[in-house]
Protein backbone atom coordinates (compact mmCIF):
# COMPACT_ATOMS: atom_id res chain seq x y z
CA MET A 1 4.08 5.40 -15.91
CA ALA A 2 6.84 3.48 -14.13
CA LEU A 3 7.96 6.70 -12.42
CA LEU A 4 4.43 7.40 -11.15
CA ALA A 5 4.16 3.85 -9.80
CA LEU A 6 7.50 4.25 -8.01
CA LEU A 7 6.41 7.60 -6.56
CA SER A 8 3.21 5.99 -5.26
CA SER A 9 5.42 3.40 -3.57
CA VAL A 10 7.40 6.14 -1.85
CA LEU A 11 4.20 7.75 -0.58
CA TRP A 12 2.75 4.42 0.58
CA GLY A 13 5.99 3.60 2.40
CA THR A 14 5.90 6.99 4.14
CA ALA A 15 2.26 6.52 5.12
CA ASP A 16 2.97 3.03 6.46
CA TYR A 17 5.84 4.25 8.59
CA LEU A 18 3.84 7.11 10.11
CA GLY A 19 0.71 5.00 10.51
CA GLY A 20 2.70 2.15 12.05
CA VAL A 21 4.23 4.46 14.65
CA LEU A 22 0.84 6.02 15.40
CA THR A 23 -0.96 2.70 15.90
CA ARG A 24 1.44 1.82 18.69
CA ARG A 25 -0.28 4.42 20.86
CA ARG A 26 -3.75 4.67 19.27
CA PRO A 27 -6.31 2.01 18.16
CA ALA A 28 -5.84 0.90 14.54
CA LEU A 29 -9.49 1.61 13.67
CA VAL A 30 -9.18 5.19 14.93
CA VAL A 31 -6.04 5.73 12.86
CA VAL A 32 -7.65 4.29 9.72
CA LEU A 33 -10.78 6.44 10.18
CA GLY A 34 -8.66 9.56 10.60
CA MET A 35 -6.70 8.69 7.47
CA GLN A 36 -9.84 8.18 5.41
CA LEU A 37 -11.44 11.44 6.54
CA THR A 38 -8.26 13.38 5.85
CA GLY A 39 -8.00 11.90 2.36
CA LEU A 40 -11.70 12.49 1.74
CA ALA A 41 -11.38 16.18 2.64
CA ALA A 42 -8.49 16.62 0.20
CA VAL A 43 -10.29 14.77 -2.60
CA ALA A 44 -13.53 16.70 -1.99
CA VAL A 45 -11.71 19.96 -2.70
CA VAL A 46 -10.38 18.60 -6.01
CA VAL A 47 -13.77 17.17 -7.07
CA ALA A 48 -15.56 20.43 -6.19
CA PHE A 49 -12.99 22.44 -8.13
CA ARG A 50 -13.37 20.25 -11.20
CA GLY A 51 -17.15 20.11 -10.88
CA GLU A 52 -17.33 16.36 -11.46
CA VAL A 53 -20.51 14.35 -10.97
CA PRO A 54 -20.04 10.75 -9.73
CA THR A 55 -21.59 8.51 -12.37
CA GLY A 56 -20.62 5.34 -14.21
CA ARG A 57 -19.96 1.71 -13.45
CA TYR A 58 -16.46 2.49 -12.17
CA LEU A 59 -18.15 3.55 -8.92
CA TRP A 60 -18.86 -0.10 -8.15
CA TYR A 61 -15.15 -0.81 -8.47
CA ALA A 62 -14.50 2.18 -6.19
CA VAL A 63 -16.88 0.84 -3.54
CA GLY A 64 -15.23 -2.58 -3.74
CA ALA A 65 -11.78 -1.00 -3.45
CA GLY A 66 -12.96 1.04 -0.47
CA LEU A 67 -14.22 -2.06 1.32
CA ALA A 68 -11.06 -4.03 0.57
CA GLY A 69 -8.91 -1.06 1.59
CA ALA A 70 -10.68 -0.61 4.91
CA VAL A 71 -10.16 -4.27 5.83
CA ALA A 72 -6.56 -4.27 4.58
CA LEU A 73 -5.50 -1.09 6.35
CA THR A 74 -7.12 -2.08 9.63
CA ALA A 75 -5.48 -5.51 9.55
CA PHE A 76 -2.14 -4.03 8.48
CA TYR A 77 -1.98 -1.37 11.18
CA GLN A 78 -3.14 -3.80 13.83
CA ALA A 79 -0.37 -6.14 12.69
CA LEU A 80 2.16 -3.31 12.99
CA ALA A 81 0.87 -2.58 16.49
CA VAL A 82 1.47 -6.14 17.72
CA GLY A 83 4.35 -7.12 15.42
CA THR A 84 7.41 -5.50 13.83
CA MET A 85 7.78 -3.66 10.55
CA GLY A 86 10.53 -6.02 9.40
CA VAL A 87 8.13 -8.97 9.24
CA VAL A 88 4.71 -7.40 8.73
CA ALA A 89 5.65 -5.14 5.79
CA PRO A 90 7.06 -7.82 3.45
CA VAL A 91 4.21 -10.23 4.21
CA ALA A 92 1.68 -7.51 3.36
CA ALA A 93 3.63 -6.66 0.21
CA THR A 94 3.10 -10.17 -1.13
CA GLY A 95 -0.39 -8.98 -2.03
CA VAL A 96 1.17 -7.95 -5.35
CA ALA A 97 0.66 -11.59 -6.32
CA VAL A 98 -3.05 -10.81 -6.74
CA PRO A 99 -2.70 -8.28 -9.62
CA VAL A 100 0.17 -10.26 -11.13
CA GLY A 101 -2.06 -13.34 -11.20
CA VAL A 102 -4.93 -11.37 -12.70
CA SER A 103 -2.55 -9.95 -15.29
CA TRP A 104 -1.50 -13.43 -16.40
CA LEU A 105 -5.11 -14.59 -16.55
CA ARG A 106 -5.84 -11.64 -18.83
CA GLY A 107 -3.08 -12.75 -21.19
CA GLU A 108 -0.51 -10.08 -20.36
CA ARG A 109 2.97 -11.55 -20.71
CA PRO A 110 5.89 -9.36 -19.60
CA GLY A 111 9.15 -9.85 -21.50
CA ALA A 112 12.03 -11.90 -20.08
CA ALA A 113 13.86 -8.85 -18.69
CA ALA A 114 10.68 -7.57 -17.02
CA LEU A 115 9.93 -10.99 -15.55
CA VAL A 116 13.44 -11.28 -14.08
CA GLY A 117 13.10 -7.72 -12.80
CA LEU A 118 9.76 -8.52 -11.15
CA LEU A 119 11.21 -11.55 -9.38
CA LEU A 120 14.33 -9.67 -8.34
CA ALA A 121 12.33 -6.73 -7.01
CA ALA A 122 9.92 -8.99 -5.13
CA ALA A 123 12.84 -10.85 -3.50
CA GLY A 124 14.50 -7.54 -2.73
CA VAL A 125 11.40 -6.28 -0.94
CA VAL A 126 11.48 -9.26 1.40
CA LEU A 127 15.22 -8.92 2.08
CA ALA A 128 15.22 -5.13 2.46
CA SER A 129 12.35 -5.29 4.92
CA GLY A 130 14.43 -7.51 7.17
CA LEU A 131 12.76 -10.90 6.74
CA ASP A 132 15.36 -13.64 6.48
CA PRO A 133 14.33 -16.19 3.80
CA GLY A 134 15.97 -18.87 5.94
CA GLY A 135 13.35 -18.24 8.61
CA ARG A 136 15.72 -16.85 11.26
CA GLY A 137 14.65 -13.20 10.94
CA GLU A 138 16.59 -10.20 12.18
CA PRO A 139 17.60 -9.93 15.83
CA GLY A 140 14.56 -9.20 17.95
CA SER A 141 12.01 -9.84 15.21
CA SER A 142 10.96 -13.20 16.62
CA ARG A 143 9.74 -11.51 19.79
CA SER A 144 6.46 -10.33 18.30
CA GLY A 145 6.72 -9.91 14.54
CA SER A 146 6.77 -13.65 13.95
CA SER A 147 3.71 -14.25 16.10
CA ARG A 148 0.78 -16.02 14.52
CA VAL A 149 -1.52 -13.07 15.15
CA ALA A 150 0.72 -10.52 13.40
CA THR A 151 1.44 -12.84 10.48
CA GLY A 152 -2.23 -13.75 10.06
CA LEU A 153 -3.26 -10.10 10.03
CA ALA A 154 -0.50 -9.31 7.50
CA VAL A 155 -1.80 -12.07 5.20
CA VAL A 156 -5.31 -10.60 5.39
CA ALA A 157 -3.83 -7.18 4.58
CA ALA A 158 -1.93 -8.66 1.62
CA PHE A 159 -5.08 -10.00 -0.01
CA GLY A 160 -6.85 -6.72 0.66
CA PHE A 161 -4.08 -4.55 -0.78
CA GLY A 162 -3.79 -6.80 -3.83
CA SER A 163 -7.54 -6.58 -4.40
CA VAL A 164 -7.40 -2.78 -4.18
CA LEU A 165 -4.73 -2.66 -6.89
CA VAL A 166 -6.87 -4.80 -9.21
CA LEU A 167 -10.12 -2.90 -8.54
CA VAL A 168 -8.50 0.50 -9.05
CA ASP A 169 -7.03 -0.73 -12.33
CA ARG A 170 -10.49 -1.92 -13.45
CA ALA A 171 -12.08 1.39 -12.46
CA ILE A 172 -9.55 3.34 -14.49
CA ALA A 173 -10.08 1.00 -17.45
CA ALA A 174 -13.82 1.77 -17.26
CA ASP A 175 -13.25 5.54 -17.11
CA PRO A 176 -9.68 6.95 -17.30
CA THR A 177 -10.89 10.44 -16.24
CA SER A 178 -12.52 9.27 -13.01
CA THR A 179 -9.53 9.38 -10.65
CA PRO A 180 -10.68 12.13 -8.20
CA VAL A 181 -14.23 10.76 -7.90
CA LEU A 182 -12.82 7.24 -7.64
CA LEU A 183 -10.66 8.30 -4.70
CA GLY A 184 -13.58 10.09 -3.07
CA ALA A 185 -15.88 7.07 -3.38
CA MET A 186 -13.18 4.83 -1.94
CA ARG A 187 -12.62 7.13 1.03
CA ILE A 188 -16.34 7.49 1.74
CA THR A 189 -16.84 3.72 1.65
CA SER A 190 -13.86 3.06 3.90
CA ALA A 191 -14.86 5.79 6.37
CA VAL A 192 -18.43 4.48 6.63
CA VAL A 193 -17.26 0.89 7.18
CA VAL A 194 -14.64 1.79 9.79
CA GLY A 195 -16.93 4.31 11.49
CA ALA A 196 -19.66 1.68 11.78
CA PHE A 197 -17.16 -0.75 13.27
CA LEU A 198 -16.11 1.83 15.86
CA LEU A 199 -19.75 2.44 16.82
CA VAL A 200 -20.50 -1.26 17.15
CA ARG A 201 -17.40 -1.84 19.25
CA ARG A 202 -17.95 1.44 21.14
CA THR A 203 -14.32 2.34 20.70
CA PRO A 204 -13.59 5.86 22.01
CA VAL A 205 -12.02 8.15 19.40
CA ARG A 206 -9.31 9.96 21.30
CA LEU A 207 -6.51 11.82 19.56
CA GLY A 208 -4.01 14.27 20.99
CA ARG A 209 -2.34 17.28 19.41
CA ALA A 210 0.79 15.24 18.81
CA ASP A 211 -1.26 12.82 16.70
CA ALA A 212 -2.58 15.48 14.32
CA TRP A 213 0.33 15.99 11.92
CA PRO A 214 1.27 12.30 11.47
CA LEU A 215 -2.39 11.38 10.99
CA VAL A 216 -3.00 14.09 8.40
CA THR A 217 0.27 13.32 6.61
CA THR A 218 -0.53 9.61 6.57
CA GLY A 219 -3.97 10.24 5.07
CA LEU A 220 -2.67 12.61 2.40
CA CYS A 221 0.23 10.33 1.45
CA ASP A 222 -2.02 7.28 1.21
CA THR A 223 -4.62 9.10 -0.90
CA ALA A 224 -1.98 10.60 -3.19
CA ALA A 225 -0.36 7.17 -3.60
CA VAL A 226 -3.65 5.61 -4.74
CA GLY A 227 -4.19 8.50 -7.14
CA LEU A 228 -0.74 8.14 -8.69
CA TYR A 229 -1.21 4.39 -9.03
CA ALA A 230 -4.55 5.00 -10.75
CA VAL A 231 -2.91 7.38 -13.25
CA ALA A 232 -0.04 4.92 -13.79
CA SER A 233 -2.60 2.22 -14.62
CA ARG A 234 -4.09 4.17 -17.53
CA GLY A 235 -3.81 3.20 -21.15
CA ASP A 236 -1.74 0.19 -22.14
CA ALA A 237 0.25 -0.03 -18.92
CA ASP A 238 1.06 -3.59 -17.88
CA LEU A 239 -0.85 -4.28 -14.65
CA ALA A 240 1.81 -6.69 -13.35
CA VAL A 241 4.67 -4.22 -13.83
CA VAL A 242 2.81 -1.20 -12.45
CA ALA A 243 1.54 -3.17 -9.44
CA VAL A 244 4.98 -4.50 -8.50
CA LEU A 245 6.62 -1.08 -8.80
CA ALA A 246 3.87 0.39 -6.62
CA SER A 247 4.40 -2.39 -4.07
CA LEU A 248 8.00 -1.56 -3.22
CA TYR A 249 6.87 0.50 -0.24
CA PRO A 250 8.43 -1.78 2.44
CA VAL A 251 11.84 -0.59 1.27
CA VAL A 252 10.83 3.01 1.96
CA THR A 253 9.38 2.06 5.34
CA ALA A 254 12.59 0.24 6.32
CA LEU A 255 14.79 3.19 5.27
CA LEU A 256 12.64 5.67 7.19
CA ALA A 257 12.79 3.49 10.27
CA ARG A 258 16.56 3.41 9.95
CA GLN A 259 16.93 7.16 9.56
CA LEU A 260 14.28 8.34 12.03
CA LEU A 261 14.28 5.54 14.60
CA GLY A 262 17.92 4.57 14.30
CA GLU A 263 17.15 0.99 13.28
CA HIS A 264 20.16 -0.93 12.04
CA LEU A 265 20.33 -1.75 8.33
CA SER A 266 21.70 -5.30 8.20
CA ARG A 267 23.62 -6.94 5.37
CA THR A 268 20.43 -8.73 4.39
CA GLN A 269 18.61 -5.42 4.04
CA VAL A 270 21.45 -3.83 2.06
CA THR A 271 21.36 -6.81 -0.30
CA GLY A 272 17.60 -6.36 -0.62
CA VAL A 273 17.88 -2.68 -1.51
CA CYS A 274 20.42 -3.51 -4.23
CA ALA A 275 18.15 -6.27 -5.55
CA VAL A 276 15.19 -3.88 -5.66
CA LEU A 277 17.20 -1.26 -7.56
CA GLY A 278 18.40 -3.90 -10.03
CA GLY A 279 14.85 -5.12 -10.54
CA VAL A 280 13.58 -1.59 -11.12
CA VAL A 281 16.26 -1.02 -13.77
CA LEU A 282 15.29 -4.23 -15.60
CA ILE A 283 11.59 -3.39 -15.47
CA ALA A 284 12.15 0.17 -16.66
CA ALA A 285 14.47 -1.02 -19.46
CA SER A 286 11.90 -3.56 -20.60
CA GLY A 287 9.18 -0.91 -20.62
CA ALA A 288 11.33 1.48 -22.65
CA ALA A 289 12.16 -1.26 -25.15
CA GLY A 290 8.48 -2.12 -25.55
């Protein structure tokens, strides 16, 4: 289950990088709508192939997750458009505090090694994404990434992403076999909400040929990431551990930006990557021991 959660993190990090680049030339709402429709098309094929009928109370969780996801993604991509990945990504990743808090309220108590690993990984995410705990930030980040608008949007995204993790976990607990329909209901809800917003705001939906492949890839990666997280949440999986492992995506985003955009990986970021890897090892070791 830990491996699936980590893989979902890789896919989310890839989607965030591509979506972040795309929203710098297209409206965030348009990008989110395209993502949702792409994911919905892929899920529809799977649901039709399996012949599933959407029933059960887990659909209410799916609708809630779709609403929270629409708000979170729109806020997140808008934050990326006006800010920088090095600040926005780690702030949004703090949404993992939501499922961790819910996990503790439910009486789940990770072992000492897992708890240290969670803290180490969380600190590593912040460092690897380029946010200096001392408040200085990386060179150039204060220009826009530290703006109140970008930070505020990232906080909204954090609560939204954290809520999605909890709602998906609850949906899977209600029906462990519902993953494809769950994803479809989430995508439909998000698409309807974002589409309605575009109509109200009369935002023109304009996309060029160059936007097609990153938009489709972003939608497929995001949908696959949610699906893997849902599978990782099945059974007796610890919500806090699975959620934190799935929330390491800023590390992936930072590494992609370094490789594809030539962004410099500072000493702070290198330290963060090492901290994340150490945290993952502790979490995995704790899970194997349990």
